[in-house]
mmCIF file of all heavy atoms, coordinates in Angstrom:
data_MODEL
# 
_entry.id   MODEL 
# 
loop_
_atom_site.group_PDB 
_atom_site.id 
_atom_site.type_symbol 
_atom_site.label_atom_id 
_atom_site.label_alt_id 
_atom_site.label_comp_id 
_atom_site.label_asym_id 
_atom_site.label_entity_id 
_atom_site.label_seq_id 
_atom_site.pdbx_PDB_ins_code 
_atom_site.Cartn_x 
_atom_site.Cartn_y 
_atom_site.Cartn_z 
_atom_site.occupancy 
_atom_site.B_iso_or_equiv 
_atom_site.pdbx_formal_charge 
_atom_site.auth_seq_id 
_atom_site.auth_comp_id 
_atom_site.auth_asym_id 
_atom_site.auth_atom_id 
_atom_site.pdbx_PDB_model_num 
ATOM 1   N N   . PHE A 1 1  ? 88.288 237.250 74.037 1.00 0.00 ? 1  PHE A N   1 
ATOM 2   C CA  . PHE A 1 1  ? 86.965 236.976 74.586 1.00 0.00 ? 1  PHE A CA  1 
ATOM 3   C C   . PHE A 1 1  ? 86.890 236.655 76.026 1.00 0.00 ? 1  PHE A C   1 
ATOM 4   O O   . PHE A 1 1  ? 86.081 237.073 76.750 1.00 0.00 ? 1  PHE A O   1 
ATOM 5   C CB  . PHE A 1 1  ? 86.234 235.865 73.739 1.00 0.00 ? 1  PHE A CB  1 
ATOM 6   C CG  . PHE A 1 1  ? 85.604 236.305 72.437 1.00 0.00 ? 1  PHE A CG  1 
ATOM 7   C CD1 . PHE A 1 1  ? 86.202 235.876 71.251 1.00 0.00 ? 1  PHE A CD1 1 
ATOM 8   C CD2 . PHE A 1 1  ? 84.515 237.047 72.437 1.00 0.00 ? 1  PHE A CD2 1 
ATOM 9   C CE1 . PHE A 1 1  ? 85.582 236.349 70.036 1.00 0.00 ? 1  PHE A CE1 1 
ATOM 10  C CE2 . PHE A 1 1  ? 83.872 237.470 71.361 1.00 0.00 ? 1  PHE A CE2 1 
ATOM 11  C CZ  . PHE A 1 1  ? 84.480 237.072 70.089 1.00 0.00 ? 1  PHE A CZ  1 
ATOM 12  N N   . ILE A 1 2  ? 87.854 235.821 76.536 1.00 0.00 ? 2  ILE A N   1 
ATOM 13  C CA  . ILE A 1 2  ? 87.918 235.445 77.952 1.00 0.00 ? 2  ILE A CA  1 
ATOM 14  C C   . ILE A 1 2  ? 88.071 236.750 78.747 1.00 0.00 ? 2  ILE A C   1 
ATOM 15  O O   . ILE A 1 2  ? 87.240 236.921 79.729 1.00 0.00 ? 2  ILE A O   1 
ATOM 16  C CB  . ILE A 1 2  ? 88.988 234.519 78.149 1.00 0.00 ? 2  ILE A CB  1 
ATOM 17  C CG1 . ILE A 1 2  ? 88.715 233.108 77.526 1.00 0.00 ? 2  ILE A CG1 1 
ATOM 18  C CG2 . ILE A 1 2  ? 89.153 234.306 79.686 1.00 0.00 ? 2  ILE A CG2 1 
ATOM 19  C CD1 . ILE A 1 2  ? 89.835 232.226 77.611 1.00 0.00 ? 2  ILE A CD1 1 
ATOM 20  N N   . ILE A 1 3  ? 88.955 237.640 78.350 1.00 0.00 ? 3  ILE A N   1 
ATOM 21  C CA  . ILE A 1 3  ? 89.200 238.840 79.189 1.00 0.00 ? 3  ILE A CA  1 
ATOM 22  C C   . ILE A 1 3  ? 87.898 239.728 79.080 1.00 0.00 ? 3  ILE A C   1 
ATOM 23  O O   . ILE A 1 3  ? 87.460 240.313 80.224 1.00 0.00 ? 3  ILE A O   1 
ATOM 24  C CB  . ILE A 1 3  ? 90.391 239.530 78.769 1.00 0.00 ? 3  ILE A CB  1 
ATOM 25  C CG1 . ILE A 1 3  ? 91.674 238.693 79.133 1.00 0.00 ? 3  ILE A CG1 1 
ATOM 26  C CG2 . ILE A 1 3  ? 90.519 240.957 79.414 1.00 0.00 ? 3  ILE A CG2 1 
ATOM 27  C CD1 . ILE A 1 3  ? 92.946 239.229 78.591 1.00 0.00 ? 3  ILE A CD1 1 
ATOM 28  N N   . ALA A 1 4  ? 87.367 239.814 77.935 1.00 0.00 ? 4  ALA A N   1 
ATOM 29  C CA  . ALA A 1 4  ? 86.092 240.564 77.823 1.00 0.00 ? 4  ALA A CA  1 
ATOM 30  C C   . ALA A 1 4  ? 84.964 240.097 78.735 1.00 0.00 ? 4  ALA A C   1 
ATOM 31  O O   . ALA A 1 4  ? 84.234 240.837 79.261 1.00 0.00 ? 4  ALA A O   1 
ATOM 32  C CB  . ALA A 1 4  ? 85.678 240.629 76.310 1.00 0.00 ? 4  ALA A CB  1 
ATOM 33  N N   . PHE A 1 5  ? 84.976 238.728 78.794 1.00 0.00 ? 5  PHE A N   1 
ATOM 34  C CA  . PHE A 1 5  ? 83.906 238.191 79.642 1.00 0.00 ? 5  PHE A CA  1 
ATOM 35  C C   . PHE A 1 5  ? 84.200 238.316 81.131 1.00 0.00 ? 5  PHE A C   1 
ATOM 36  O O   . PHE A 1 5  ? 83.278 238.348 81.943 1.00 0.00 ? 5  PHE A O   1 
ATOM 37  C CB  . PHE A 1 5  ? 83.631 236.618 79.311 1.00 0.00 ? 5  PHE A CB  1 
ATOM 38  C CG  . PHE A 1 5  ? 83.042 236.496 77.951 1.00 0.00 ? 5  PHE A CG  1 
ATOM 39  C CD1 . PHE A 1 5  ? 83.445 235.527 77.065 1.00 0.00 ? 5  PHE A CD1 1 
ATOM 40  C CD2 . PHE A 1 5  ? 81.972 237.316 77.499 1.00 0.00 ? 5  PHE A CD2 1 
ATOM 41  C CE1 . PHE A 1 5  ? 82.803 235.336 75.886 1.00 0.00 ? 5  PHE A CE1 1 
ATOM 42  C CE2 . PHE A 1 5  ? 81.478 237.111 76.201 1.00 0.00 ? 5  PHE A CE2 1 
ATOM 43  C CZ  . PHE A 1 5  ? 81.831 236.102 75.377 1.00 0.00 ? 5  PHE A CZ  1 
ATOM 44  N N   . ILE A 1 6  ? 85.466 238.300 81.509 1.00 0.00 ? 6  ILE A N   1 
ATOM 45  C CA  . ILE A 1 6  ? 85.846 238.489 82.919 1.00 0.00 ? 6  ILE A CA  1 
ATOM 46  C C   . ILE A 1 6  ? 85.323 239.854 83.405 1.00 0.00 ? 6  ILE A C   1 
ATOM 47  O O   . ILE A 1 6  ? 84.777 239.897 84.522 1.00 0.00 ? 6  ILE A O   1 
ATOM 48  C CB  . ILE A 1 6  ? 87.391 238.383 83.085 1.00 0.00 ? 6  ILE A CB  1 
ATOM 49  C CG1 . ILE A 1 6  ? 87.793 236.899 83.029 1.00 0.00 ? 6  ILE A CG1 1 
ATOM 50  C CG2 . ILE A 1 6  ? 87.768 238.888 84.558 1.00 0.00 ? 6  ILE A CG2 1 
ATOM 51  C CD1 . ILE A 1 6  ? 89.351 236.660 82.893 1.00 0.00 ? 6  ILE A CD1 1 
ATOM 52  N N   . TYR A 1 7  ? 85.485 240.879 82.627 1.00 0.00 ? 7  TYR A N   1 
ATOM 53  C CA  . TYR A 1 7  ? 85.072 242.141 83.070 1.00 0.00 ? 7  TYR A CA  1 
ATOM 54  C C   . TYR A 1 7  ? 83.749 242.621 82.517 1.00 0.00 ? 7  TYR A C   1 
ATOM 55  O O   . TYR A 1 7  ? 83.171 243.555 83.136 1.00 0.00 ? 7  TYR A O   1 
ATOM 56  C CB  . TYR A 1 7  ? 86.257 243.225 82.599 1.00 0.00 ? 7  TYR A CB  1 
ATOM 57  C CG  . TYR A 1 7  ? 87.458 242.998 83.371 1.00 0.00 ? 7  TYR A CG  1 
ATOM 58  C CD1 . TYR A 1 7  ? 88.518 242.110 83.014 1.00 0.00 ? 7  TYR A CD1 1 
ATOM 59  C CD2 . TYR A 1 7  ? 87.740 243.710 84.541 1.00 0.00 ? 7  TYR A CD2 1 
ATOM 60  C CE1 . TYR A 1 7  ? 89.679 241.900 83.654 1.00 0.00 ? 7  TYR A CE1 1 
ATOM 61  C CE2 . TYR A 1 7  ? 88.937 243.488 85.271 1.00 0.00 ? 7  TYR A CE2 1 
ATOM 62  C CZ  . TYR A 1 7  ? 89.836 242.546 84.745 1.00 0.00 ? 7  TYR A CZ  1 
ATOM 63  O OH  . TYR A 1 7  ? 90.993 242.345 85.538 1.00 0.00 ? 7  TYR A OH  1 
ATOM 64  N N   . GLY A 1 8  ? 83.306 242.042 81.468 1.00 0.00 ? 8  GLY A N   1 
ATOM 65  C CA  . GLY A 1 8  ? 82.007 242.351 80.906 1.00 0.00 ? 8  GLY A CA  1 
ATOM 66  C C   . GLY A 1 8  ? 80.988 241.390 81.424 1.00 0.00 ? 8  GLY A C   1 
ATOM 67  O O   . GLY A 1 8  ? 81.025 240.805 82.506 1.00 0.00 ? 8  GLY A O   1 
ATOM 68  N N   . GLU A 1 9  ? 79.993 241.088 80.483 1.00 0.00 ? 9  GLU A N   1 
ATOM 69  C CA  . GLU A 1 9  ? 78.919 240.228 80.770 1.00 0.00 ? 9  GLU A CA  1 
ATOM 70  C C   . GLU A 1 9  ? 78.838 239.125 79.692 1.00 0.00 ? 9  GLU A C   1 
ATOM 71  O O   . GLU A 1 9  ? 79.005 239.359 78.500 1.00 0.00 ? 9  GLU A O   1 
ATOM 72  C CB  . GLU A 1 9  ? 77.587 240.945 80.909 1.00 0.00 ? 9  GLU A CB  1 
ATOM 73  C CG  . GLU A 1 9  ? 77.511 242.045 81.951 1.00 0.00 ? 9  GLU A CG  1 
ATOM 74  C CD  . GLU A 1 9  ? 76.244 242.733 81.918 1.00 0.00 ? 9  GLU A CD  1 
ATOM 75  O OE1 . GLU A 1 9  ? 75.279 242.352 81.197 1.00 0.00 ? 9  GLU A OE1 1 
ATOM 76  O OE2 . GLU A 1 9  ? 76.144 243.794 82.546 1.00 0.00 ? 9  GLU A OE2 1 
ATOM 77  N N   . TRP A 1 10 ? 78.379 237.962 80.119 1.00 0.00 ? 10 TRP A N   1 
ATOM 78  C CA  . TRP A 1 10 ? 78.264 236.871 79.071 1.00 0.00 ? 10 TRP A CA  1 
ATOM 79  C C   . TRP A 1 10 ? 76.898 236.899 78.658 1.00 0.00 ? 10 TRP A C   1 
ATOM 80  O O   . TRP A 1 10 ? 75.860 236.707 79.405 1.00 0.00 ? 10 TRP A O   1 
ATOM 81  C CB  . TRP A 1 10 ? 78.522 235.475 79.777 1.00 0.00 ? 10 TRP A CB  1 
ATOM 82  C CG  . TRP A 1 10 ? 78.417 234.413 78.858 1.00 0.00 ? 10 TRP A CG  1 
ATOM 83  C CD1 . TRP A 1 10 ? 77.316 233.836 78.279 1.00 0.00 ? 10 TRP A CD1 1 
ATOM 84  C CD2 . TRP A 1 10 ? 79.439 233.596 78.254 1.00 0.00 ? 10 TRP A CD2 1 
ATOM 85  N NE1 . TRP A 1 10 ? 77.526 232.749 77.403 1.00 0.00 ? 10 TRP A NE1 1 
ATOM 86  C CE2 . TRP A 1 10 ? 78.920 232.593 77.409 1.00 0.00 ? 10 TRP A CE2 1 
ATOM 87  C CE3 . TRP A 1 10 ? 80.892 233.538 78.477 1.00 0.00 ? 10 TRP A CE3 1 
ATOM 88  C CZ2 . TRP A 1 10 ? 79.598 231.605 76.805 1.00 0.00 ? 10 TRP A CZ2 1 
ATOM 89  C CZ3 . TRP A 1 10 ? 81.586 232.615 77.889 1.00 0.00 ? 10 TRP A CZ3 1 
ATOM 90  C CH2 . TRP A 1 10 ? 81.049 231.603 77.027 1.00 0.00 ? 10 TRP A CH2 1 
ATOM 91  N N   . SER A 1 11 ? 76.621 237.236 77.350 1.00 0.00 ? 11 SER A N   1 
ATOM 92  C CA  . SER A 1 11 ? 75.297 237.162 76.795 1.00 0.00 ? 11 SER A CA  1 
ATOM 93  C C   . SER A 1 11 ? 75.052 235.943 75.979 1.00 0.00 ? 11 SER A C   1 
ATOM 94  O O   . SER A 1 11 ? 75.927 235.363 75.371 1.00 0.00 ? 11 SER A O   1 
ATOM 95  C CB  . SER A 1 11 ? 75.168 238.515 75.776 1.00 0.00 ? 11 SER A CB  1 
ATOM 96  O OG  . SER A 1 11 ? 74.076 238.297 75.024 1.00 0.00 ? 11 SER A OG  1 
ATOM 97  N N   . PRO A 1 12 ? 73.750 235.438 76.134 1.00 0.00 ? 12 PRO A N   1 
ATOM 98  C CA  . PRO A 1 12 ? 73.499 234.242 75.347 1.00 0.00 ? 12 PRO A CA  1 
ATOM 99  C C   . PRO A 1 12 ? 73.513 234.457 73.788 1.00 0.00 ? 12 PRO A C   1 
ATOM 100 O O   . PRO A 1 12 ? 73.489 233.556 73.043 1.00 0.00 ? 12 PRO A O   1 
ATOM 101 C CB  . PRO A 1 12 ? 72.038 233.889 75.754 1.00 0.00 ? 12 PRO A CB  1 
ATOM 102 C CG  . PRO A 1 12 ? 71.545 235.145 76.367 1.00 0.00 ? 12 PRO A CG  1 
ATOM 103 C CD  . PRO A 1 12 ? 72.709 235.877 76.963 1.00 0.00 ? 12 PRO A CD  1 
ATOM 104 N N   . LYS A 1 13 ? 73.699 235.677 73.406 1.00 0.00 ? 13 LYS A N   1 
ATOM 105 C CA  . LYS A 1 13 ? 73.884 236.088 71.958 1.00 0.00 ? 13 LYS A CA  1 
ATOM 106 C C   . LYS A 1 13 ? 75.160 235.429 71.366 1.00 0.00 ? 13 LYS A C   1 
ATOM 107 O O   . LYS A 1 13 ? 75.132 235.047 70.165 1.00 0.00 ? 13 LYS A O   1 
ATOM 108 C CB  . LYS A 1 13 ? 74.013 237.522 71.769 1.00 0.00 ? 13 LYS A CB  1 
ATOM 109 C CG  . LYS A 1 13 ? 72.726 238.305 71.847 1.00 0.00 ? 13 LYS A CG  1 
ATOM 110 C CD  . LYS A 1 13 ? 71.999 238.258 70.421 1.00 0.00 ? 13 LYS A CD  1 
ATOM 111 C CE  . LYS A 1 13 ? 70.868 239.186 70.408 1.00 0.00 ? 13 LYS A CE  1 
ATOM 112 N NZ  . LYS A 1 13 ? 70.160 239.138 69.034 1.00 0.00 ? 13 LYS A NZ  1 
ATOM 113 N N   . TRP A 1 14 ? 76.139 235.276 72.133 1.00 0.00 ? 14 TRP A N   1 
ATOM 114 C CA  . TRP A 1 14 ? 77.446 234.763 71.684 1.00 0.00 ? 14 TRP A CA  1 
ATOM 115 C C   . TRP A 1 14 ? 77.324 233.249 71.467 1.00 0.00 ? 14 TRP A C   1 
ATOM 116 O O   . TRP A 1 14 ? 76.817 232.517 72.309 1.00 0.00 ? 14 TRP A O   1 
ATOM 117 C CB  . TRP A 1 14 ? 78.545 235.025 72.654 1.00 0.00 ? 14 TRP A CB  1 
ATOM 118 C CG  . TRP A 1 14 ? 78.787 236.553 72.889 1.00 0.00 ? 14 TRP A CG  1 
ATOM 119 C CD1 . TRP A 1 14 ? 78.483 237.195 74.063 1.00 0.00 ? 14 TRP A CD1 1 
ATOM 120 C CD2 . TRP A 1 14 ? 79.188 237.482 71.982 1.00 0.00 ? 14 TRP A CD2 1 
ATOM 121 N NE1 . TRP A 1 14 ? 78.652 238.563 73.861 1.00 0.00 ? 14 TRP A NE1 1 
ATOM 122 C CE2 . TRP A 1 14 ? 79.154 238.676 72.595 1.00 0.00 ? 14 TRP A CE2 1 
ATOM 123 C CE3 . TRP A 1 14 ? 79.665 237.347 70.605 1.00 0.00 ? 14 TRP A CE3 1 
ATOM 124 C CZ2 . TRP A 1 14 ? 79.596 239.957 72.014 1.00 0.00 ? 14 TRP A CZ2 1 
ATOM 125 C CZ3 . TRP A 1 14 ? 80.086 238.621 70.082 1.00 0.00 ? 14 TRP A CZ3 1 
ATOM 126 C CH2 . TRP A 1 14 ? 79.966 239.854 70.628 1.00 0.00 ? 14 TRP A CH2 1 
ATOM 127 N N   . ARG A 1 15 ? 77.721 232.781 70.209 1.00 0.00 ? 15 ARG A N   1 
ATOM 128 C CA  . ARG A 1 15 ? 77.492 231.510 69.786 1.00 0.00 ? 15 ARG A CA  1 
ATOM 129 C C   . ARG A 1 15 ? 78.926 230.830 69.471 1.00 0.00 ? 15 ARG A C   1 
ATOM 130 O O   . ARG A 1 15 ? 79.340 230.851 68.344 1.00 0.00 ? 15 ARG A O   1 
ATOM 131 C CB  . ARG A 1 15 ? 76.589 231.417 68.644 1.00 0.00 ? 15 ARG A CB  1 
ATOM 132 C CG  . ARG A 1 15 ? 75.236 231.847 68.885 1.00 0.00 ? 15 ARG A CG  1 
ATOM 133 C CD  . ARG A 1 15 ? 74.383 231.757 67.689 1.00 0.00 ? 15 ARG A CD  1 
ATOM 134 N NE  . ARG A 1 15 ? 72.977 232.247 67.897 1.00 0.00 ? 15 ARG A NE  1 
ATOM 135 C CZ  . ARG A 1 15 ? 72.042 232.549 66.995 1.00 0.00 ? 15 ARG A CZ  1 
ATOM 136 N NH1 . ARG A 1 15 ? 72.380 232.200 65.735 1.00 0.00 ? 15 ARG A NH1 1 
ATOM 137 N NH2 . ARG A 1 15 ? 70.887 233.012 67.252 1.00 0.00 ? 15 ARG A NH2 1 
ATOM 138 N N   . PHE A 1 16 ? 79.482 230.213 70.492 1.00 0.00 ? 16 PHE A N   1 
ATOM 139 C CA  . PHE A 1 16 ? 80.766 229.454 70.341 1.00 0.00 ? 16 PHE A CA  1 
ATOM 140 C C   . PHE A 1 16 ? 80.361 228.044 70.081 1.00 0.00 ? 16 PHE A C   1 
ATOM 141 O O   . PHE A 1 16 ? 79.321 227.579 70.404 1.00 0.00 ? 16 PHE A O   1 
ATOM 142 C CB  . PHE A 1 16 ? 81.576 229.697 71.605 1.00 0.00 ? 16 PHE A CB  1 
ATOM 143 C CG  . PHE A 1 16 ? 82.035 230.967 71.922 1.00 0.00 ? 16 PHE A CG  1 
ATOM 144 C CD1 . PHE A 1 16 ? 81.361 231.828 72.844 1.00 0.00 ? 16 PHE A CD1 1 
ATOM 145 C CD2 . PHE A 1 16 ? 83.120 231.573 71.258 1.00 0.00 ? 16 PHE A CD2 1 
ATOM 146 C CE1 . PHE A 1 16 ? 81.598 233.171 73.063 1.00 0.00 ? 16 PHE A CE1 1 
ATOM 147 C CE2 . PHE A 1 16 ? 83.517 232.838 71.527 1.00 0.00 ? 16 PHE A CE2 1 
ATOM 148 C CZ  . PHE A 1 16 ? 82.747 233.660 72.412 1.00 0.00 ? 16 PHE A CZ  1 
ATOM 149 N N   . SER A 1 17 ? 81.310 227.297 69.500 1.00 0.00 ? 17 SER A N   1 
ATOM 150 C CA  . SER A 1 17 ? 81.194 225.886 69.392 1.00 0.00 ? 17 SER A CA  1 
ATOM 151 C C   . SER A 1 17 ? 81.241 225.278 70.833 1.00 0.00 ? 17 SER A C   1 
ATOM 152 O O   . SER A 1 17 ? 81.613 226.007 71.733 1.00 0.00 ? 17 SER A O   1 
ATOM 153 C CB  . SER A 1 17 ? 82.391 225.157 68.629 1.00 0.00 ? 17 SER A CB  1 
ATOM 154 O OG  . SER A 1 17 ? 83.556 225.345 69.427 1.00 0.00 ? 17 SER A OG  1 
ATOM 155 N N   . ASN A 1 18 ? 80.676 224.051 71.019 1.00 0.00 ? 18 ASN A N   1 
ATOM 156 C CA  . ASN A 1 18 ? 80.564 223.479 72.382 1.00 0.00 ? 18 ASN A CA  1 
ATOM 157 C C   . ASN A 1 18 ? 81.875 223.320 72.895 1.00 0.00 ? 18 ASN A C   1 
ATOM 158 O O   . ASN A 1 18 ? 82.214 223.571 74.125 1.00 0.00 ? 18 ASN A O   1 
ATOM 159 C CB  . ASN A 1 18 ? 79.919 222.204 72.197 1.00 0.00 ? 18 ASN A CB  1 
ATOM 160 C CG  . ASN A 1 18 ? 78.390 222.142 71.950 1.00 0.00 ? 18 ASN A CG  1 
ATOM 161 O OD1 . ASN A 1 18 ? 77.799 223.235 72.286 1.00 0.00 ? 18 ASN A OD1 1 
ATOM 162 N ND2 . ASN A 1 18 ? 77.848 221.159 71.460 1.00 0.00 ? 18 ASN A ND2 1 
ATOM 163 N N   . LYS A 1 19 ? 82.947 223.073 72.132 1.00 0.00 ? 19 LYS A N   1 
ATOM 164 C CA  . LYS A 1 19 ? 84.330 222.921 72.585 1.00 0.00 ? 19 LYS A CA  1 
ATOM 165 C C   . LYS A 1 19 ? 84.820 224.222 73.186 1.00 0.00 ? 19 LYS A C   1 
ATOM 166 O O   . LYS A 1 19 ? 85.477 224.269 74.230 1.00 0.00 ? 19 LYS A O   1 
ATOM 167 C CB  . LYS A 1 19 ? 85.205 222.371 71.384 1.00 0.00 ? 19 LYS A CB  1 
ATOM 168 C CG  . LYS A 1 19 ? 86.707 222.179 71.923 1.00 0.00 ? 19 LYS A CG  1 
ATOM 169 C CD  . LYS A 1 19 ? 87.534 221.671 70.746 1.00 0.00 ? 19 LYS A CD  1 
ATOM 170 C CE  . LYS A 1 19 ? 88.967 221.460 71.096 1.00 0.00 ? 19 LYS A CE  1 
ATOM 171 N NZ  . LYS A 1 19 ? 89.711 221.036 70.018 1.00 0.00 ? 19 LYS A NZ  1 
ATOM 172 N N   . VAL A 1 20 ? 84.682 225.296 72.408 1.00 0.00 ? 20 VAL A N   1 
ATOM 173 C CA  . VAL A 1 20 ? 85.230 226.592 72.815 1.00 0.00 ? 20 VAL A CA  1 
ATOM 174 C C   . VAL A 1 20 ? 84.396 227.077 74.023 1.00 0.00 ? 20 VAL A C   1 
ATOM 175 O O   . VAL A 1 20 ? 85.009 227.701 74.915 1.00 0.00 ? 20 VAL A O   1 
ATOM 176 C CB  . VAL A 1 20 ? 85.075 227.574 71.550 1.00 0.00 ? 20 VAL A CB  1 
ATOM 177 C CG1 . VAL A 1 20 ? 85.524 228.967 72.139 1.00 0.00 ? 20 VAL A CG1 1 
ATOM 178 C CG2 . VAL A 1 20 ? 86.032 227.113 70.486 1.00 0.00 ? 20 VAL A CG2 1 
ATOM 179 N N   . TYR A 1 21 ? 83.082 226.847 73.955 1.00 0.00 ? 21 TYR A N   1 
ATOM 180 C CA  . TYR A 1 21 ? 82.292 227.328 75.054 1.00 0.00 ? 21 TYR A CA  1 
ATOM 181 C C   . TYR A 1 21 ? 82.720 226.687 76.381 1.00 0.00 ? 21 TYR A C   1 
ATOM 182 O O   . TYR A 1 21 ? 82.820 227.343 77.460 1.00 0.00 ? 21 TYR A O   1 
ATOM 183 C CB  . TYR A 1 21 ? 80.776 226.912 74.757 1.00 0.00 ? 21 TYR A CB  1 
ATOM 184 C CG  . TYR A 1 21 ? 79.780 227.204 75.939 1.00 0.00 ? 21 TYR A CG  1 
ATOM 185 C CD1 . TYR A 1 21 ? 79.311 228.568 76.019 1.00 0.00 ? 21 TYR A CD1 1 
ATOM 186 C CD2 . TYR A 1 21 ? 79.462 226.348 76.859 1.00 0.00 ? 21 TYR A CD2 1 
ATOM 187 C CE1 . TYR A 1 21 ? 78.360 228.836 76.972 1.00 0.00 ? 21 TYR A CE1 1 
ATOM 188 C CE2 . TYR A 1 21 ? 78.515 226.650 77.872 1.00 0.00 ? 21 TYR A CE2 1 
ATOM 189 C CZ  . TYR A 1 21 ? 78.001 227.942 77.905 1.00 0.00 ? 21 TYR A CZ  1 
ATOM 190 O OH  . TYR A 1 21 ? 77.119 228.241 78.839 1.00 0.00 ? 21 TYR A OH  1 
ATOM 191 N N   . ARG A 1 22 ? 82.905 225.326 76.365 1.00 0.00 ? 22 ARG A N   1 
ATOM 192 C CA  . ARG A 1 22 ? 83.529 224.591 77.617 1.00 0.00 ? 22 ARG A CA  1 
ATOM 193 C C   . ARG A 1 22 ? 84.779 225.252 77.976 1.00 0.00 ? 22 ARG A C   1 
ATOM 194 O O   . ARG A 1 22 ? 85.062 225.327 79.242 1.00 0.00 ? 22 ARG A O   1 
ATOM 195 C CB  . ARG A 1 22 ? 83.559 223.174 77.316 1.00 0.00 ? 22 ARG A CB  1 
ATOM 196 C CG  . ARG A 1 22 ? 82.184 222.477 77.244 1.00 0.00 ? 22 ARG A CG  1 
ATOM 197 C CD  . ARG A 1 22 ? 82.352 220.968 77.280 1.00 0.00 ? 22 ARG A CD  1 
ATOM 198 N NE  . ARG A 1 22 ? 83.018 220.425 76.150 1.00 0.00 ? 22 ARG A NE  1 
ATOM 199 C CZ  . ARG A 1 22 ? 82.486 220.041 74.986 1.00 0.00 ? 22 ARG A CZ  1 
ATOM 200 N NH1 . ARG A 1 22 ? 81.182 220.191 74.797 1.00 0.00 ? 22 ARG A NH1 1 
ATOM 201 N NH2 . ARG A 1 22 ? 83.228 219.585 74.021 1.00 0.00 ? 22 ARG A NH2 1 
ATOM 202 N N   . LEU A 1 23 ? 85.689 225.504 76.993 1.00 0.00 ? 23 LEU A N   1 
ATOM 203 C CA  . LEU A 1 23 ? 87.050 226.004 77.323 1.00 0.00 ? 23 LEU A CA  1 
ATOM 204 C C   . LEU A 1 23 ? 86.919 227.359 78.060 1.00 0.00 ? 23 LEU A C   1 
ATOM 205 O O   . LEU A 1 23 ? 87.633 227.626 79.094 1.00 0.00 ? 23 LEU A O   1 
ATOM 206 C CB  . LEU A 1 23 ? 87.893 226.102 76.077 1.00 0.00 ? 23 LEU A CB  1 
ATOM 207 C CG  . LEU A 1 23 ? 89.343 226.649 76.223 1.00 0.00 ? 23 LEU A CG  1 
ATOM 208 C CD1 . LEU A 1 23 ? 90.126 225.846 77.203 1.00 0.00 ? 23 LEU A CD1 1 
ATOM 209 C CD2 . LEU A 1 23 ? 89.943 226.881 75.011 1.00 0.00 ? 23 LEU A CD2 1 
ATOM 210 N N   . ILE A 1 24 ? 86.192 228.259 77.441 1.00 0.00 ? 24 ILE A N   1 
ATOM 211 C CA  . ILE A 1 24 ? 86.019 229.561 77.959 1.00 0.00 ? 24 ILE A CA  1 
ATOM 212 C C   . ILE A 1 24 ? 85.466 229.479 79.490 1.00 0.00 ? 24 ILE A C   1 
ATOM 213 O O   . ILE A 1 24 ? 86.029 230.213 80.358 1.00 0.00 ? 24 ILE A O   1 
ATOM 214 C CB  . ILE A 1 24 ? 85.067 230.428 77.223 1.00 0.00 ? 24 ILE A CB  1 
ATOM 215 C CG1 . ILE A 1 24 ? 85.776 230.709 75.793 1.00 0.00 ? 24 ILE A CG1 1 
ATOM 216 C CG2 . ILE A 1 24 ? 84.723 231.741 77.896 1.00 0.00 ? 24 ILE A CG2 1 
ATOM 217 C CD1 . ILE A 1 24 ? 84.895 231.610 74.814 1.00 0.00 ? 24 ILE A CD1 1 
ATOM 218 N N   . ASN A 1 25 ? 84.480 228.702 79.685 1.00 0.00 ? 25 ASN A N   1 
ATOM 219 C CA  . ASN A 1 25 ? 83.870 228.585 81.017 1.00 0.00 ? 25 ASN A CA  1 
ATOM 220 C C   . ASN A 1 25 ? 84.906 227.959 81.989 1.00 0.00 ? 25 ASN A C   1 
ATOM 221 O O   . ASN A 1 25 ? 85.008 228.349 83.160 1.00 0.00 ? 25 ASN A O   1 
ATOM 222 C CB  . ASN A 1 25 ? 82.613 227.727 81.006 1.00 0.00 ? 25 ASN A CB  1 
ATOM 223 C CG  . ASN A 1 25 ? 81.363 228.602 80.654 1.00 0.00 ? 25 ASN A CG  1 
ATOM 224 O OD1 . ASN A 1 25 ? 80.906 229.321 81.542 1.00 0.00 ? 25 ASN A OD1 1 
ATOM 225 N ND2 . ASN A 1 25 ? 81.009 228.365 79.518 1.00 0.00 ? 25 ASN A ND2 1 
ATOM 226 N N   . GLN A 1 26 ? 85.692 227.073 81.484 1.00 0.00 ? 26 GLN A N   1 
ATOM 227 C CA  . GLN A 1 26 ? 86.763 226.453 82.303 1.00 0.00 ? 26 GLN A CA  1 
ATOM 228 C C   . GLN A 1 26 ? 87.787 227.436 82.655 1.00 0.00 ? 26 GLN A C   1 
ATOM 229 O O   . GLN A 1 26 ? 88.252 227.499 83.872 1.00 0.00 ? 26 GLN A O   1 
ATOM 230 C CB  . GLN A 1 26 ? 87.397 225.233 81.534 1.00 0.00 ? 26 GLN A CB  1 
ATOM 231 C CG  . GLN A 1 26 ? 88.594 224.526 82.270 1.00 0.00 ? 26 GLN A CG  1 
ATOM 232 C CD  . GLN A 1 26 ? 89.226 223.398 81.440 1.00 0.00 ? 26 GLN A CD  1 
ATOM 233 O OE1 . GLN A 1 26 ? 89.060 223.341 80.237 1.00 0.00 ? 26 GLN A OE1 1 
ATOM 234 N NE2 . GLN A 1 26 ? 89.923 222.497 82.100 1.00 0.00 ? 26 GLN A NE2 1 
# 
């Protein structure tokens, strides 16, 4: 998911837990 977001786009459709969401953004 991280690599996909680096090259793709982050859509609000994706629903991660708060913990995973923070990790991915970090």
